[in-house]
Amino acid sequence: MIQNEFEMLISDTTKRIAGDISWTEDEDHSPSVEFRVEVESDAGYPIFV
């Protein structure tokens, strides 16, 4: 994700993460960490990040 995409994502107030983000180690044993959360949206359809 480039900086411009990140800034657009966090400035969009029509979508929100209601809970805490819990980072976990990647199940494929890569050096990265990951999370999965439900995103609430004004449109009302399910979104996951």
C-alpha atoms as a PDB file:
ATOM      1  CA  MET A   1       0.000   0.000   0.000  1.00  0.00           C
ATOM      2  CA  ILE A   2       1.414   3.360  -0.964  1.00  0.00           C
ATOM      3  CA  GLN A   3       1.156   6.446   1.247  1.00  0.00           C
ATOM      4  CA  ASN A   4      -1.596   8.029  -0.856  1.00  0.00           C
ATOM      5  CA  GLU A   5      -3.797   4.899  -0.591  1.00  0.00           C
ATOM      6  CA  PHE A   6      -3.225   4.764   3.170  1.00  0.00           C
ATOM      7  CA  GLU A   7      -4.202   8.413   3.612  1.00  0.00           C
ATOM      8  CA  MET A   8      -7.378   7.918   1.559  1.00  0.00           C
ATOM      9  CA  LEU A   9      -8.283   4.878   3.656  1.00  0.00           C
ATOM     10  CA  ILE A  10      -7.888   6.573   7.041  1.00  0.00           C
ATOM     11  CA  SER A  11      -9.662   9.755   5.930  1.00  0.00           C
ATOM     12  CA  ASP A  12     -12.807   7.866   4.835  1.00  0.00           C
ATOM     13  CA  THR A  13     -15.258   8.432   7.709  1.00  0.00           C
ATOM     14  CA  THR A  14     -17.963   6.237   6.121  1.00  0.00           C
ATOM     15  CA  LYS A  15     -16.070   3.142   7.325  1.00  0.00           C
ATOM     16  CA  ARG A  16     -14.837   2.349  10.838  1.00  0.00           C
ATOM     17  CA  ILE A  17     -13.243  -0.424  12.866  1.00  0.00           C
ATOM     18  CA  ALA A  18     -15.290  -0.738  16.046  1.00  0.00           C
ATOM     19  CA  GLY A  19     -12.981  -2.973  18.077  1.00  0.00           C
ATOM     20  CA  ASP A  20      -9.338  -3.420  18.867  1.00  0.00           C
ATOM     21  CA  ILE A  21      -6.858  -4.644  16.260  1.00  0.00           C
ATOM     22  CA  SER A  22      -4.974  -7.727  17.391  1.00  0.00           C
ATOM     23  CA  TRP A  23      -1.807  -8.439  15.422  1.00  0.00           C
ATOM     24  CA  THR A  24      -0.728 -12.088  14.985  1.00  0.00           C
ATOM     25  CA  GLU A  25       2.218 -13.782  13.360  1.00  0.00           C
ATOM     26  CA  ASP A  26       1.684 -14.830   9.761  1.00  0.00           C
ATOM     27  CA  GLU A  27       0.440 -18.412   9.552  1.00  0.00           C
ATOM     28  CA  ASP A  28       2.736 -19.008   6.558  1.00  0.00           C
ATOM     29  CA  HIS A  29       5.753 -18.170   8.750  1.00  0.00           C
ATOM     30  CA  SER A  30       6.752 -15.083   6.779  1.00  0.00           C
ATOM     31  CA  PRO A  31       8.475 -12.271   8.712  1.00  0.00           C
ATOM     32  CA  SER A  32       5.278 -10.206   8.682  1.00  0.00           C
ATOM     33  CA  VAL A  33       2.366  -9.851  11.093  1.00  0.00           C
ATOM     34  CA  GLU A  34      -1.302  -9.652  10.160  1.00  0.00           C
ATOM     35  CA  PHE A  35      -4.761  -8.858  11.485  1.00  0.00           C
ATOM     36  CA  ARG A  36      -8.357  -9.384  10.392  1.00  0.00           C
ATOM     37  CA  VAL A  37     -11.193  -7.137  11.524  1.00  0.00           C
ATOM     38  CA  GLU A  38     -14.750  -6.382  10.526  1.00  0.00           C
ATOM     39  CA  VAL A  39     -15.289  -2.874   9.211  1.00  0.00           C
ATOM     40  CA  GLU A  40     -18.570  -1.076   9.880  1.00  0.00           C
ATOM     41  CA  SER A  41     -19.744   1.014   6.936  1.00  0.00           C
ATOM     42  CA  ASP A  42     -22.507   3.484   6.236  1.00  0.00           C
ATOM     43  CA  ALA A  43     -23.476   1.304   3.252  1.00  0.00           C
ATOM     44  CA  GLY A  44     -24.215  -1.558   5.648  1.00  0.00           C
ATOM     45  CA  TYR A  45     -22.584  -4.392   3.688  1.00  0.00           C
ATOM     46  CA  PRO A  46     -19.856  -6.543   5.272  1.00  0.00           C
ATOM     47  CA  ILE A  47     -16.238  -5.513   4.775  1.00  0.00           C
ATOM     48  CA  PHE A  48     -13.197  -7.237   6.228  1.00  0.00           C
ATOM     49  CA  VAL A  49      -9.612  -5.985   6.347  1.00  0.00           C
END
